[in-house]
């Protein structure tokens, strides 16, 4: 009987996340509502550490904006993009991106490249930094 009362008082069951998107406002939520942080609480922290480690020396004022895995055309591999603001050495903060291949089974993000702008799909995008190490 106590178990039944506890189950009733806990409210609605929490729905499983269906999105990979993480926005800055989501970082203050009590529970993650995205697939990757639900699977691994340290997912975003570890990814951001990889990005900051790949930025040119002297980059400052790093500020997360969002993480997204947009829908891709059939047969195309998935790409994850992190948008953030940072100040390049001697410059003012600006919007930048980092992108890498994405495996939805385990939320693994491959070798990261990035630069200024909204993302690699922008025709004016320039790659100004790259994660060290071998490419996948």
Foldseek 3Di string as FASTA:
>chain_A
DVVVVVVVVVDDDDDAADFQKDAPVQVPDPDHRHNQCVLPVCVVVVVVVQVVVFADPQKADKAWGMKHFDDDPPPDFIKIKTWIWIAHHVGDIAIKMKMATADVVNRDGFWIWMDGDDDPVPPPGDTDTTGDDDGD
